[in-house]
Every structure is written in structure tokens, then in C-alpha cells.
Amino acid sequence: MVKVIFYNLLRSKYNIKEMMVEPGTINDIIKEILEAQPEMKVNDFVTSVVFYKGLPIHYRGFEKIINANEEIIFTHFVGGG
């Protein structure tokens, strides 16, 4: 299983902190999340950034394979002033 942690927009909008999913590409993981949490919207993931082993992965890199027993973080960059 892969541990998925949600920060910022996804955490506050859907009140979900983390979940466990099957390994696969980030796109596969998003599909599994959307099936388990139908209130979530795919657009929220398209605009997100995934952190994997401390490195950011943007939408164009979501074919990256995440193996079992690993962890990813979905977040959005937010600003303010």
C-alpha cells in the first residue's frame, strides 16, 4: 500500500488528512482516490503538486510509479500577503 497525505486545499476542502491506496502511477492513485472519495474533483489534483521523497512532481510527471510501502504528499502552493 501507498500512504497518501493531503495538505492545504485538499485537506481543508474535503476534510481528509490521509489514506492508503494501491501502488501505481500517480494518475492511478488519483483515480483510486476519486473512486473512494467521489466528492473530490479531478481538477483539484490537476493543479496540485506531489512531493515524493522530498522532490516535487507536477501534473506532467504524474506517470511516475509509486511503489508499495512508500509515501506521497498532495499539496497546493498558496500565497498571501
N, C-alpha and C. Protein backbone atom coordinates (compact mmCIF):
# COMPACT_ATOMS: atom_id res chain seq x y z
N MET A 1 0.84 -1.19 0.00
CA MET A 1 0.00 0.00 0.00
C MET A 1 0.89 1.25 0.00
N VAL A 2 0.33 2.33 -0.50
CA VAL A 2 0.99 3.63 -0.53
C VAL A 2 0.23 4.56 0.40
N LYS A 3 0.96 5.26 1.24
CA LYS A 3 0.34 6.24 2.13
C LYS A 3 0.27 7.58 1.39
N VAL A 4 -0.94 8.13 1.29
CA VAL A 4 -1.15 9.42 0.64
C VAL A 4 -1.57 10.42 1.70
N ILE A 5 -0.83 11.52 1.78
CA ILE A 5 -1.11 12.59 2.74
C ILE A 5 -1.61 13.80 1.96
N PHE A 6 -2.64 14.43 2.47
CA PHE A 6 -3.21 15.62 1.83
C PHE A 6 -2.93 16.85 2.68
N TYR A 7 -2.46 17.91 2.05
CA TYR A 7 -2.23 19.19 2.72
C TYR A 7 -3.01 20.30 2.02
N ASN A 8 -3.09 21.42 2.70
CA ASN A 8 -3.67 22.66 2.18
C ASN A 8 -5.07 22.48 1.60
N LEU A 9 -5.27 22.80 0.33
CA LEU A 9 -6.60 22.83 -0.29
C LEU A 9 -7.36 21.51 -0.12
N LEU A 10 -6.73 20.41 -0.45
CA LEU A 10 -7.43 19.13 -0.38
C LEU A 10 -7.82 18.78 1.05
N ARG A 11 -6.95 19.05 1.99
CA ARG A 11 -7.26 18.74 3.39
C ARG A 11 -8.40 19.62 3.91
N SER A 12 -8.32 20.90 3.64
CA SER A 12 -9.34 21.80 4.18
C SER A 12 -10.67 21.70 3.42
N LYS A 13 -10.62 21.51 2.12
CA LYS A 13 -11.84 21.47 1.31
C LYS A 13 -12.64 20.18 1.54
N TYR A 14 -11.93 19.05 1.70
CA TYR A 14 -12.60 17.76 1.80
C TYR A 14 -12.47 17.10 3.18
N ASN A 15 -11.78 17.76 4.08
CA ASN A 15 -11.61 17.27 5.45
C ASN A 15 -11.05 15.84 5.48
N ILE A 16 -10.05 15.60 4.68
CA ILE A 16 -9.38 14.31 4.65
C ILE A 16 -7.88 14.54 4.81
N LYS A 17 -7.27 13.81 5.72
CA LYS A 17 -5.85 14.00 6.03
C LYS A 17 -4.95 13.02 5.30
N GLU A 18 -5.37 11.76 5.25
CA GLU A 18 -4.55 10.76 4.57
C GLU A 18 -5.39 9.53 4.25
N MET A 19 -4.85 8.70 3.36
CA MET A 19 -5.49 7.43 3.04
C MET A 19 -4.44 6.48 2.48
N MET A 20 -4.78 5.22 2.46
CA MET A 20 -3.90 4.18 1.91
C MET A 20 -4.49 3.72 0.58
N VAL A 21 -3.63 3.60 -0.42
CA VAL A 21 -4.06 3.20 -1.76
C VAL A 21 -3.09 2.15 -2.32
N GLU A 22 -3.49 1.54 -3.41
CA GLU A 22 -2.64 0.56 -4.09
C GLU A 22 -1.49 1.28 -4.80
N PRO A 23 -0.34 0.63 -4.95
CA PRO A 23 0.76 1.24 -5.71
C PRO A 23 0.40 1.38 -7.18
N GLY A 24 1.09 2.26 -7.86
CA GLY A 24 0.88 2.51 -9.29
C GLY A 24 1.36 3.89 -9.64
N THR A 25 0.98 4.36 -10.81
CA THR A 25 1.37 5.72 -11.18
C THR A 25 0.56 6.70 -10.33
N ILE A 26 1.01 7.94 -10.29
CA ILE A 26 0.27 8.96 -9.56
C ILE A 26 -1.13 9.10 -10.15
N ASN A 27 -1.24 9.01 -11.47
CA ASN A 27 -2.57 9.06 -12.10
C ASN A 27 -3.45 7.90 -11.64
N ASP A 28 -2.87 6.71 -11.51
CA ASP A 28 -3.63 5.56 -11.00
C ASP A 28 -4.10 5.82 -9.57
N ILE A 29 -3.21 6.40 -8.78
CA ILE A 29 -3.53 6.71 -7.38
C ILE A 29 -4.66 7.73 -7.31
N ILE A 30 -4.61 8.75 -8.15
CA ILE A 30 -5.68 9.76 -8.18
C ILE A 30 -7.00 9.09 -8.55
N LYS A 31 -6.97 8.21 -9.52
CA LYS A 31 -8.20 7.51 -9.93
C LYS A 31 -8.78 6.72 -8.76
N GLU A 32 -7.93 6.03 -8.02
CA GLU A 32 -8.40 5.26 -6.86
C GLU A 32 -8.96 6.18 -5.78
N ILE A 33 -8.30 7.31 -5.56
CA ILE A 33 -8.79 8.28 -4.57
C ILE A 33 -10.17 8.79 -4.97
N LEU A 34 -10.33 9.14 -6.25
CA LEU A 34 -11.62 9.66 -6.73
C LEU A 34 -12.73 8.63 -6.64
N GLU A 35 -12.39 7.37 -6.83
CA GLU A 35 -13.39 6.30 -6.69
C GLU A 35 -13.82 6.14 -5.23
N ALA A 36 -12.86 6.29 -4.31
CA ALA A 36 -13.16 6.13 -2.88
C ALA A 36 -13.78 7.39 -2.28
N GLN A 37 -13.49 8.54 -2.86
CA GLN A 37 -13.96 9.83 -2.35
C GLN A 37 -14.63 10.60 -3.50
N PRO A 38 -15.83 10.21 -3.90
CA PRO A 38 -16.45 10.82 -5.09
C PRO A 38 -16.74 12.32 -4.96
N GLU A 39 -16.72 12.86 -3.76
CA GLU A 39 -16.92 14.30 -3.60
C GLU A 39 -15.71 15.11 -4.06
N MET A 40 -14.55 14.45 -4.16
CA MET A 40 -13.35 15.14 -4.63
C MET A 40 -13.43 15.33 -6.14
N LYS A 41 -12.81 16.38 -6.62
CA LYS A 41 -12.85 16.72 -8.04
C LYS A 41 -11.47 16.54 -8.67
N VAL A 42 -11.44 16.00 -9.88
CA VAL A 42 -10.19 15.75 -10.57
C VAL A 42 -9.39 17.04 -10.77
N ASN A 43 -10.05 18.16 -10.99
CA ASN A 43 -9.35 19.43 -11.19
C ASN A 43 -8.50 19.83 -9.99
N ASP A 44 -8.92 19.44 -8.80
CA ASP A 44 -8.13 19.74 -7.61
C ASP A 44 -6.79 19.01 -7.64
N PHE A 45 -6.73 17.89 -8.32
CA PHE A 45 -5.48 17.16 -8.43
C PHE A 45 -4.61 17.67 -9.58
N VAL A 46 -5.24 18.11 -10.66
CA VAL A 46 -4.50 18.63 -11.81
C VAL A 46 -3.67 19.85 -11.40
N THR A 47 -4.19 20.64 -10.49
CA THR A 47 -3.47 21.85 -10.06
C THR A 47 -2.61 21.61 -8.82
N SER A 48 -2.49 20.37 -8.40
CA SER A 48 -1.71 20.08 -7.20
C SER A 48 -0.26 19.76 -7.55
N VAL A 49 0.55 19.70 -6.51
CA VAL A 49 1.93 19.26 -6.61
C VAL A 49 2.07 18.06 -5.69
N VAL A 50 2.76 17.04 -6.17
CA VAL A 50 3.02 15.85 -5.37
C VAL A 50 4.46 15.90 -4.90
N PHE A 51 4.66 15.66 -3.61
CA PHE A 51 6.01 15.51 -3.11
C PHE A 51 6.27 14.03 -2.88
N TYR A 52 7.35 13.55 -3.49
CA TYR A 52 7.74 12.14 -3.40
C TYR A 52 9.22 12.10 -3.09
N LYS A 53 9.55 11.56 -1.95
CA LYS A 53 10.94 11.52 -1.48
C LYS A 53 11.54 12.91 -1.45
N GLY A 54 10.71 13.89 -1.07
CA GLY A 54 11.17 15.27 -0.93
C GLY A 54 11.25 16.07 -2.22
N LEU A 55 10.94 15.45 -3.35
CA LEU A 55 11.02 16.15 -4.63
C LEU A 55 9.63 16.43 -5.18
N PRO A 56 9.42 17.64 -5.74
CA PRO A 56 8.10 17.97 -6.29
C PRO A 56 7.88 17.33 -7.66
N ILE A 57 6.65 16.88 -7.88
CA ILE A 57 6.24 16.35 -9.18
C ILE A 57 4.97 17.10 -9.57
N HIS A 58 5.00 17.72 -10.75
CA HIS A 58 3.84 18.45 -11.25
C HIS A 58 3.03 17.55 -12.19
N TYR A 59 1.89 18.03 -12.59
CA TYR A 59 0.92 17.25 -13.39
C TYR A 59 1.54 16.48 -14.54
N ARG A 60 2.46 17.08 -15.25
CA ARG A 60 3.08 16.41 -16.41
C ARG A 60 3.91 15.19 -16.01
N GLY A 61 4.25 15.09 -14.74
CA GLY A 61 5.04 13.97 -14.26
C GLY A 61 4.24 12.92 -13.53
N PHE A 62 2.92 12.97 -13.63
CA PHE A 62 2.06 12.07 -12.86
C PHE A 62 2.05 10.63 -13.39
N GLU A 63 2.88 10.31 -14.37
CA GLU A 63 3.06 8.92 -14.79
C GLU A 63 4.15 8.23 -13.96
N LYS A 64 4.73 8.96 -13.03
CA LYS A 64 5.73 8.40 -12.11
C LYS A 64 5.10 7.27 -11.31
N ILE A 65 5.79 6.14 -11.22
CA ILE A 65 5.30 4.99 -10.48
C ILE A 65 5.69 5.11 -9.01
N ILE A 66 4.72 4.90 -8.16
CA ILE A 66 4.95 4.90 -6.72
C ILE A 66 4.79 3.45 -6.25
N ASN A 67 5.82 2.93 -5.63
CA ASN A 67 5.83 1.54 -5.21
C ASN A 67 5.19 1.35 -3.84
N ALA A 68 4.91 0.10 -3.51
CA ALA A 68 4.34 -0.24 -2.20
C ALA A 68 5.27 0.22 -1.08
N ASN A 69 4.68 0.54 0.06
CA ASN A 69 5.39 0.96 1.27
C ASN A 69 6.07 2.31 1.12
N GLU A 70 5.59 3.12 0.18
CA GLU A 70 6.12 4.47 0.03
C GLU A 70 5.03 5.48 0.39
N GLU A 71 5.40 6.75 0.37
CA GLU A 71 4.51 7.82 0.81
C GLU A 71 4.59 8.97 -0.17
N ILE A 72 3.43 9.56 -0.48
CA ILE A 72 3.41 10.78 -1.29
C ILE A 72 2.53 11.82 -0.59
N ILE A 73 2.77 13.06 -0.94
CA ILE A 73 2.00 14.17 -0.37
C ILE A 73 1.41 14.98 -1.52
N PHE A 74 0.11 15.22 -1.46
CA PHE A 74 -0.55 16.14 -2.39
C PHE A 74 -0.71 17.47 -1.69
N THR A 75 -0.28 18.54 -2.35
CA THR A 75 -0.44 19.87 -1.78
C THR A 75 -0.64 20.88 -2.90
N HIS A 76 -1.04 22.06 -2.51
CA HIS A 76 -1.16 23.19 -3.43
C HIS A 76 -0.33 24.33 -2.85
N PHE A 77 0.32 25.06 -3.70
CA PHE A 77 1.04 26.23 -3.22
C PHE A 77 0.03 27.34 -3.02
N VAL A 78 0.03 27.91 -1.86
CA VAL A 78 -0.89 29.00 -1.55
C VAL A 78 -0.09 30.22 -1.19
N GLY A 79 -0.63 31.35 -1.48
CA GLY A 79 0.05 32.60 -1.19
C GLY A 79 -0.84 33.53 -0.42
N GLY A 80 -0.26 34.52 0.04
CA GLY A 80 -0.99 35.52 0.80
C GLY A 80 -0.07 36.70 1.03
N GLY A 81 -0.62 37.66 1.62
CA GLY A 81 0.26 38.80 1.84
C GLY A 81 -0.28 39.71 2.86
